[in-house]
Amino acid sequence: MSRDFFHDAVVRALEKEGWAITDDPLFFRVGGVDFKIDLGAERVIGAEKNEEKIAVEIKTFIGQSVVSAFHLAIGQYENYLFALEEIKSDRMLYLAVPESIWDDFFQRPFVEKVIQVKKVNVIVYDPTKEEILKWIK
């Protein structure tokens, strides 16, 4: 499976915010099924040197119906979340979406409700500036 078009932009955006990319991609196995999330990252936070760990699934919403891409993204997110919980991972899962999609499609009432009900954590990124614009939990 190939990388998302904005994969490298998201990597650089996370690195700008102090994240160290530890897995590109993050591979693991649960119940006989192999999983591959786009990125694993961590950073040291606070004076106590606690590590914060995340897993990031990057989506571009390019080249197909935005609705179809959304269905796929939410399905992947739910499967990845369940799998991470099964292995008792301490990583917080995020769905990374470009700003243009967030500002348009993700503001529609149905999509907002899905994100809220499914408790999807979202990273909104600017692929041109290679910056993280929002962290939504």
N, C-alpha and C. Protein backbone atom coordinates (compact mmCIF):
# COMPACT_ATOMS: atom_id res chain seq x y z
N MET A 1 0.85 -1.18 0.00
CA MET A 1 0.00 0.00 0.00
C MET A 1 0.89 1.24 0.00
N SER A 2 0.58 2.20 -0.82
CA SER A 2 1.41 3.39 -0.93
C SER A 2 1.06 4.41 0.16
N ARG A 3 1.98 5.32 0.35
CA ARG A 3 1.79 6.38 1.33
C ARG A 3 0.79 7.40 0.83
N ASP A 4 0.15 8.07 1.79
CA ASP A 4 -0.75 9.16 1.42
C ASP A 4 0.07 10.30 0.82
N PHE A 5 -0.55 11.05 -0.06
CA PHE A 5 0.12 12.12 -0.80
C PHE A 5 0.80 13.12 0.15
N PHE A 6 0.16 13.41 1.29
CA PHE A 6 0.70 14.41 2.22
C PHE A 6 1.48 13.77 3.38
N HIS A 7 1.86 12.52 3.27
CA HIS A 7 2.54 11.81 4.35
C HIS A 7 3.76 12.58 4.86
N ASP A 8 4.66 12.94 3.98
CA ASP A 8 5.89 13.63 4.38
C ASP A 8 5.61 14.99 5.00
N ALA A 9 4.59 15.68 4.51
CA ALA A 9 4.22 16.98 5.07
C ALA A 9 3.76 16.83 6.52
N VAL A 10 3.01 15.77 6.81
CA VAL A 10 2.54 15.53 8.18
C VAL A 10 3.73 15.15 9.07
N VAL A 11 4.64 14.34 8.56
CA VAL A 11 5.84 13.99 9.33
C VAL A 11 6.59 15.26 9.72
N ARG A 12 6.85 16.13 8.75
CA ARG A 12 7.59 17.36 9.04
C ARG A 12 6.82 18.28 9.99
N ALA A 13 5.50 18.33 9.86
CA ALA A 13 4.68 19.15 10.75
C ALA A 13 4.77 18.65 12.19
N LEU A 14 4.70 17.34 12.37
CA LEU A 14 4.83 16.77 13.72
C LEU A 14 6.22 17.03 14.29
N GLU A 15 7.24 16.87 13.47
CA GLU A 15 8.60 17.11 13.93
C GLU A 15 8.79 18.57 14.36
N LYS A 16 8.16 19.50 13.64
CA LYS A 16 8.23 20.92 14.02
C LYS A 16 7.66 21.15 15.41
N GLU A 17 6.70 20.32 15.81
CA GLU A 17 6.06 20.46 17.12
C GLU A 17 6.77 19.63 18.20
N GLY A 18 7.90 19.09 17.87
CA GLY A 18 8.68 18.38 18.87
C GLY A 18 8.44 16.89 18.97
N TRP A 19 7.71 16.34 18.02
CA TRP A 19 7.46 14.90 18.02
C TRP A 19 8.60 14.18 17.33
N ALA A 20 9.00 13.06 17.90
CA ALA A 20 9.98 12.17 17.25
C ALA A 20 9.20 11.04 16.60
N ILE A 21 9.38 10.86 15.32
CA ILE A 21 8.70 9.78 14.61
C ILE A 21 9.44 8.48 14.96
N THR A 22 8.73 7.58 15.61
CA THR A 22 9.34 6.32 16.07
C THR A 22 9.02 5.16 15.15
N ASP A 23 7.92 5.27 14.42
CA ASP A 23 7.49 4.19 13.53
C ASP A 23 6.87 4.81 12.28
N ASP A 24 7.37 4.39 11.12
CA ASP A 24 6.86 4.94 9.86
C ASP A 24 6.90 3.83 8.80
N PRO A 25 5.88 2.98 8.83
CA PRO A 25 4.63 2.98 9.59
C PRO A 25 4.75 2.22 10.92
N LEU A 26 3.68 2.28 11.69
CA LEU A 26 3.57 1.57 12.96
C LEU A 26 2.91 0.22 12.69
N PHE A 27 3.69 -0.85 12.79
CA PHE A 27 3.18 -2.20 12.56
C PHE A 27 2.89 -2.89 13.88
N PHE A 28 1.82 -3.67 13.95
CA PHE A 28 1.56 -4.54 15.09
C PHE A 28 0.54 -5.60 14.66
N ARG A 29 0.42 -6.62 15.48
CA ARG A 29 -0.45 -7.75 15.16
C ARG A 29 -1.39 -7.98 16.33
N VAL A 30 -2.67 -8.19 16.01
CA VAL A 30 -3.68 -8.45 17.02
C VAL A 30 -4.60 -9.56 16.52
N GLY A 31 -4.74 -10.61 17.31
CA GLY A 31 -5.68 -11.68 16.98
C GLY A 31 -5.50 -12.26 15.59
N GLY A 32 -4.26 -12.38 15.16
CA GLY A 32 -3.98 -12.95 13.85
C GLY A 32 -4.12 -11.99 12.69
N VAL A 33 -4.34 -10.70 12.98
CA VAL A 33 -4.49 -9.69 11.94
C VAL A 33 -3.36 -8.69 12.05
N ASP A 34 -2.72 -8.40 10.92
CA ASP A 34 -1.65 -7.40 10.88
C ASP A 34 -2.25 -6.01 10.67
N PHE A 35 -1.72 -5.03 11.40
CA PHE A 35 -2.16 -3.65 11.28
C PHE A 35 -0.98 -2.77 10.93
N LYS A 36 -1.26 -1.71 10.16
CA LYS A 36 -0.22 -0.77 9.75
C LYS A 36 -0.83 0.63 9.79
N ILE A 37 -0.56 1.36 10.86
CA ILE A 37 -0.99 2.75 10.98
C ILE A 37 0.14 3.61 10.42
N ASP A 38 -0.21 4.69 9.76
CA ASP A 38 0.78 5.49 9.04
C ASP A 38 1.99 5.90 9.88
N LEU A 39 1.76 6.39 11.11
CA LEU A 39 2.88 6.88 11.92
C LEU A 39 2.71 6.53 13.39
N GLY A 40 3.82 6.33 14.04
CA GLY A 40 3.90 6.30 15.49
C GLY A 40 4.87 7.39 15.89
N ALA A 41 4.54 8.15 16.93
CA ALA A 41 5.42 9.24 17.36
C ALA A 41 5.35 9.38 18.87
N GLU A 42 6.39 10.00 19.42
CA GLU A 42 6.39 10.28 20.84
C GLU A 42 7.20 11.53 21.10
N ARG A 43 6.92 12.13 22.27
CA ARG A 43 7.72 13.27 22.71
C ARG A 43 7.73 13.28 24.23
N VAL A 44 8.77 13.85 24.74
CA VAL A 44 8.92 13.99 26.18
C VAL A 44 8.21 15.28 26.58
N ILE A 45 7.37 15.18 27.60
CA ILE A 45 6.63 16.36 28.04
C ILE A 45 6.88 16.62 29.52
N GLY A 46 6.99 17.88 29.87
CA GLY A 46 7.10 18.28 31.26
C GLY A 46 8.44 17.97 31.89
N ALA A 47 8.60 18.48 33.10
CA ALA A 47 9.85 18.33 33.83
C ALA A 47 10.09 16.89 34.27
N GLU A 48 9.03 16.09 34.36
CA GLU A 48 9.17 14.71 34.82
C GLU A 48 9.57 13.76 33.70
N LYS A 49 9.73 14.28 32.51
CA LYS A 49 10.16 13.49 31.37
C LYS A 49 9.17 12.37 31.02
N ASN A 50 7.90 12.64 31.19
CA ASN A 50 6.87 11.68 30.78
C ASN A 50 6.80 11.66 29.26
N GLU A 51 6.59 10.48 28.73
CA GLU A 51 6.46 10.36 27.27
C GLU A 51 4.99 10.37 26.87
N GLU A 52 4.71 11.13 25.85
CA GLU A 52 3.39 11.13 25.24
C GLU A 52 3.55 10.39 23.92
N LYS A 53 2.67 9.41 23.67
CA LYS A 53 2.78 8.61 22.46
C LYS A 53 1.49 8.70 21.65
N ILE A 54 1.66 8.80 20.34
CA ILE A 54 0.50 8.86 19.46
C ILE A 54 0.69 7.90 18.28
N ALA A 55 -0.44 7.56 17.68
CA ALA A 55 -0.48 6.85 16.40
C ALA A 55 -1.31 7.74 15.49
N VAL A 56 -0.87 7.92 14.26
CA VAL A 56 -1.52 8.86 13.35
C VAL A 56 -1.85 8.17 12.03
N GLU A 57 -3.13 8.20 11.69
CA GLU A 57 -3.56 7.72 10.38
C GLU A 57 -3.80 8.97 9.52
N ILE A 58 -3.04 9.09 8.44
CA ILE A 58 -3.08 10.27 7.58
C ILE A 58 -4.06 10.05 6.44
N LYS A 59 -4.91 11.02 6.22
CA LYS A 59 -5.85 10.97 5.10
C LYS A 59 -5.75 12.26 4.30
N THR A 60 -5.82 12.13 2.97
CA THR A 60 -5.72 13.30 2.10
C THR A 60 -7.06 13.66 1.46
N PHE A 61 -7.92 12.67 1.30
CA PHE A 61 -9.22 12.86 0.64
C PHE A 61 -9.04 13.33 -0.80
N ILE A 62 -8.00 12.85 -1.45
CA ILE A 62 -7.73 13.18 -2.85
C ILE A 62 -8.00 11.94 -3.71
N GLY A 63 -8.59 12.15 -4.86
CA GLY A 63 -8.71 11.08 -5.84
C GLY A 63 -9.92 10.18 -5.72
N GLN A 64 -10.79 10.45 -4.78
CA GLN A 64 -12.01 9.66 -4.68
C GLN A 64 -13.09 10.54 -4.06
N SER A 65 -14.27 10.04 -4.02
CA SER A 65 -15.37 10.75 -3.38
C SER A 65 -15.00 11.04 -1.93
N VAL A 66 -15.25 12.26 -1.49
CA VAL A 66 -14.96 12.63 -0.11
C VAL A 66 -15.78 11.78 0.85
N VAL A 67 -17.01 11.49 0.48
CA VAL A 67 -17.87 10.66 1.33
C VAL A 67 -17.30 9.24 1.44
N SER A 68 -16.87 8.67 0.32
CA SER A 68 -16.27 7.33 0.36
C SER A 68 -14.99 7.33 1.17
N ALA A 69 -14.17 8.35 1.00
CA ALA A 69 -12.93 8.47 1.76
C ALA A 69 -13.22 8.60 3.26
N PHE A 70 -14.27 9.32 3.60
CA PHE A 70 -14.67 9.48 5.00
C PHE A 70 -15.11 8.14 5.58
N HIS A 71 -15.94 7.41 4.84
CA HIS A 71 -16.37 6.09 5.32
C HIS A 71 -15.16 5.19 5.58
N LEU A 72 -14.25 5.16 4.66
CA LEU A 72 -13.04 4.35 4.80
C LEU A 72 -12.23 4.81 6.01
N ALA A 73 -12.05 6.11 6.15
CA ALA A 73 -11.25 6.65 7.26
C ALA A 73 -11.85 6.31 8.61
N ILE A 74 -13.16 6.44 8.75
CA ILE A 74 -13.81 6.14 10.03
C ILE A 74 -13.74 4.65 10.32
N GLY A 75 -13.92 3.83 9.32
CA GLY A 75 -13.80 2.38 9.51
C GLY A 75 -12.40 1.99 9.95
N GLN A 76 -11.40 2.54 9.29
CA GLN A 76 -10.01 2.27 9.67
C GLN A 76 -9.75 2.75 11.10
N TYR A 77 -10.20 3.96 11.40
CA TYR A 77 -9.98 4.53 12.72
C TYR A 77 -10.57 3.62 13.80
N GLU A 78 -11.79 3.17 13.61
CA GLU A 78 -12.43 2.30 14.60
C GLU A 78 -11.68 0.98 14.76
N ASN A 79 -11.28 0.38 13.66
CA ASN A 79 -10.51 -0.87 13.73
C ASN A 79 -9.17 -0.66 14.43
N TYR A 80 -8.47 0.42 14.08
CA TYR A 80 -7.18 0.70 14.70
C TYR A 80 -7.34 0.97 16.19
N LEU A 81 -8.37 1.71 16.55
CA LEU A 81 -8.62 2.02 17.95
C LEU A 81 -8.86 0.73 18.75
N PHE A 82 -9.69 -0.13 18.21
CA PHE A 82 -9.99 -1.40 18.87
C PHE A 82 -8.72 -2.24 19.01
N ALA A 83 -7.93 -2.29 17.94
CA ALA A 83 -6.70 -3.08 17.97
C ALA A 83 -5.70 -2.53 18.98
N LEU A 84 -5.54 -1.22 19.03
CA LEU A 84 -4.63 -0.62 20.01
C LEU A 84 -5.09 -0.91 21.44
N GLU A 85 -6.40 -0.88 21.66
CA GLU A 85 -6.92 -1.20 22.98
C GLU A 85 -6.65 -2.66 23.34
N GLU A 86 -6.76 -3.54 22.35
CA GLU A 86 -6.52 -4.97 22.58
C GLU A 86 -5.09 -5.25 23.05
N ILE A 87 -4.13 -4.52 22.50
CA ILE A 87 -2.74 -4.74 22.90
C ILE A 87 -2.33 -3.83 24.06
N LYS A 88 -3.33 -3.12 24.60
CA LYS A 88 -3.10 -2.23 25.74
C LYS A 88 -2.01 -1.20 25.44
N SER A 89 -2.08 -0.65 24.26
CA SER A 89 -1.13 0.38 23.85
C SER A 89 -1.41 1.68 24.60
N ASP A 90 -0.35 2.40 24.89
CA ASP A 90 -0.50 3.70 25.54
C ASP A 90 -0.50 4.84 24.51
N ARG A 91 -0.69 4.50 23.27
CA ARG A 91 -0.73 5.51 22.20
C ARG A 91 -2.14 6.06 22.02
N MET A 92 -2.24 7.37 21.85
CA MET A 92 -3.50 8.03 21.53
C MET A 92 -3.59 8.07 20.01
N LEU A 93 -4.70 7.58 19.47
CA LEU A 93 -4.90 7.51 18.02
C LEU A 93 -5.49 8.81 17.50
N TYR A 94 -4.95 9.29 16.38
CA TYR A 94 -5.45 10.49 15.71
C TYR A 94 -5.67 10.21 14.23
N LEU A 95 -6.67 10.88 13.67
CA LEU A 95 -6.91 10.91 12.24
C LEU A 95 -6.42 12.27 11.76
N ALA A 96 -5.45 12.30 10.86
CA ALA A 96 -4.90 13.55 10.34
C ALA A 96 -5.59 13.90 9.03
N VAL A 97 -6.16 15.11 8.96
CA VAL A 97 -6.87 15.56 7.76
C VAL A 97 -6.38 16.95 7.35
N PRO A 98 -6.34 17.21 6.05
CA PRO A 98 -5.90 18.52 5.60
C PRO A 98 -6.91 19.61 5.97
N GLU A 99 -6.37 20.80 6.15
CA GLU A 99 -7.19 21.95 6.55
C GLU A 99 -8.38 22.18 5.61
N SER A 100 -8.17 22.06 4.32
CA SER A 100 -9.25 22.33 3.36
C SER A 100 -10.43 21.38 3.56
N ILE A 101 -10.16 20.14 3.86
CA ILE A 101 -11.23 19.15 4.11
C ILE A 101 -11.88 19.42 5.46
N TRP A 102 -11.08 19.75 6.46
CA TRP A 102 -11.62 20.06 7.78
C TRP A 102 -12.57 21.27 7.71
N ASP A 103 -12.12 22.32 7.02
CA ASP A 103 -12.90 23.55 6.96
C ASP A 103 -14.19 23.43 6.16
N ASP A 104 -14.26 22.43 5.30
CA ASP A 104 -15.47 22.26 4.47
C ASP A 104 -16.24 21.02 4.91
N PHE A 105 -15.79 19.87 4.47
CA PHE A 105 -16.54 18.63 4.68
C PHE A 105 -16.75 18.29 6.16
N PHE A 106 -15.71 18.47 6.97
CA PHE A 106 -15.81 18.09 8.38
C PHE A 106 -16.67 19.04 9.20
N GLN A 107 -17.12 20.14 8.61
CA GLN A 107 -18.00 21.06 9.31
C GLN A 107 -19.48 20.79 9.03
N ARG A 108 -19.76 19.82 8.19
CA ARG A 108 -21.14 19.46 7.91
C ARG A 108 -21.74 18.73 9.11
N PRO A 109 -22.99 19.02 9.43
CA PRO A 109 -23.60 18.47 10.65
C PRO A 109 -23.47 16.95 10.79
N PHE A 110 -23.68 16.20 9.73
CA PHE A 110 -23.57 14.74 9.83
C PHE A 110 -22.16 14.33 10.21
N VAL A 111 -21.17 14.91 9.55
CA VAL A 111 -19.77 14.56 9.80
C VAL A 111 -19.37 14.97 11.22
N GLU A 112 -19.79 16.16 11.63
CA GLU A 112 -19.50 16.61 13.00
C GLU A 112 -20.05 15.62 14.02
N LYS A 113 -21.26 15.14 13.77
CA LYS A 113 -21.90 14.21 14.71
C LYS A 113 -21.14 12.88 14.75
N VAL A 114 -20.73 12.38 13.60
CA VAL A 114 -19.97 11.13 13.56
C VAL A 114 -18.68 11.29 14.36
N ILE A 115 -17.97 12.38 14.15
CA ILE A 115 -16.70 12.63 14.86
C ILE A 115 -16.94 12.69 16.37
N GLN A 116 -18.02 13.34 16.75
CA GLN A 116 -18.36 13.47 18.17
C GLN A 116 -18.78 12.13 18.77
N VAL A 117 -19.69 11.44 18.13
CA VAL A 117 -20.22 10.18 18.66
C VAL A 117 -19.13 9.11 18.70
N LYS A 118 -18.33 9.03 17.66
CA LYS A 118 -17.27 8.02 17.59
C LYS A 118 -16.02 8.44 18.36
N LYS A 119 -16.03 9.66 18.89
CA LYS A 119 -14.90 10.19 19.68
C LYS A 119 -13.58 10.10 18.91
N VAL A 120 -13.63 10.60 17.68
CA VAL A 120 -12.45 10.58 16.82
C VAL A 120 -11.55 11.76 17.17
N ASN A 121 -10.30 11.47 17.50
CA ASN A 121 -9.29 12.51 17.70
C ASN A 121 -8.77 12.92 16.33
N VAL A 122 -8.68 14.23 16.10
CA VAL A 122 -8.31 14.72 14.78
C VAL A 122 -7.12 15.68 14.88
N ILE A 123 -6.21 15.53 13.95
CA ILE A 123 -5.15 16.51 13.72
C ILE A 123 -5.48 17.19 12.40
N VAL A 124 -5.57 18.51 12.43
CA VAL A 124 -5.79 19.27 11.20
C VAL A 124 -4.44 19.85 10.79
N TYR A 125 -4.03 19.56 9.55
CA TYR A 125 -2.71 19.99 9.10
C TYR A 125 -2.81 20.84 7.84
N ASP A 126 -1.81 21.70 7.67
CA ASP A 126 -1.66 22.49 6.45
C ASP A 126 -0.54 21.82 5.66
N PRO A 127 -0.89 21.16 4.54
CA PRO A 127 0.13 20.42 3.80
C PRO A 127 1.16 21.32 3.10
N THR A 128 0.79 22.55 2.82
CA THR A 128 1.71 23.46 2.14
C THR A 128 2.75 24.02 3.09
N LYS A 129 2.28 24.49 4.24
CA LYS A 129 3.19 25.06 5.25
C LYS A 129 3.82 23.98 6.14
N GLU A 130 3.30 22.74 6.01
CA GLU A 130 3.77 21.62 6.82
C GLU A 130 3.67 21.96 8.30
N GLU A 131 2.44 22.34 8.69
CA GLU A 131 2.17 22.72 10.08
C GLU A 131 0.92 22.03 10.58
N ILE A 132 0.91 21.76 11.89
CA ILE A 132 -0.30 21.27 12.55
C ILE A 132 -1.07 22.51 12.98
N LEU A 133 -2.33 22.59 12.58
CA LEU A 133 -3.14 23.76 12.90
C LEU A 133 -4.04 23.53 14.12
N LYS A 134 -4.52 22.29 14.28
CA LYS A 134 -5.43 22.00 15.39
C LYS A 134 -5.23 20.57 15.85
N TRP A 135 -5.38 20.39 17.16
CA TRP A 135 -5.47 19.07 17.79
C TRP A 135 -6.85 19.02 18.39
N ILE A 136 -7.67 18.10 17.94
CA ILE A 136 -9.05 17.99 18.42
C ILE A 136 -9.23 16.65 19.10
N LYS A 137 -9.61 16.71 20.38
CA LYS A 137 -9.84 15.48 21.15
C LYS A 137 -11.31 15.40 21.48
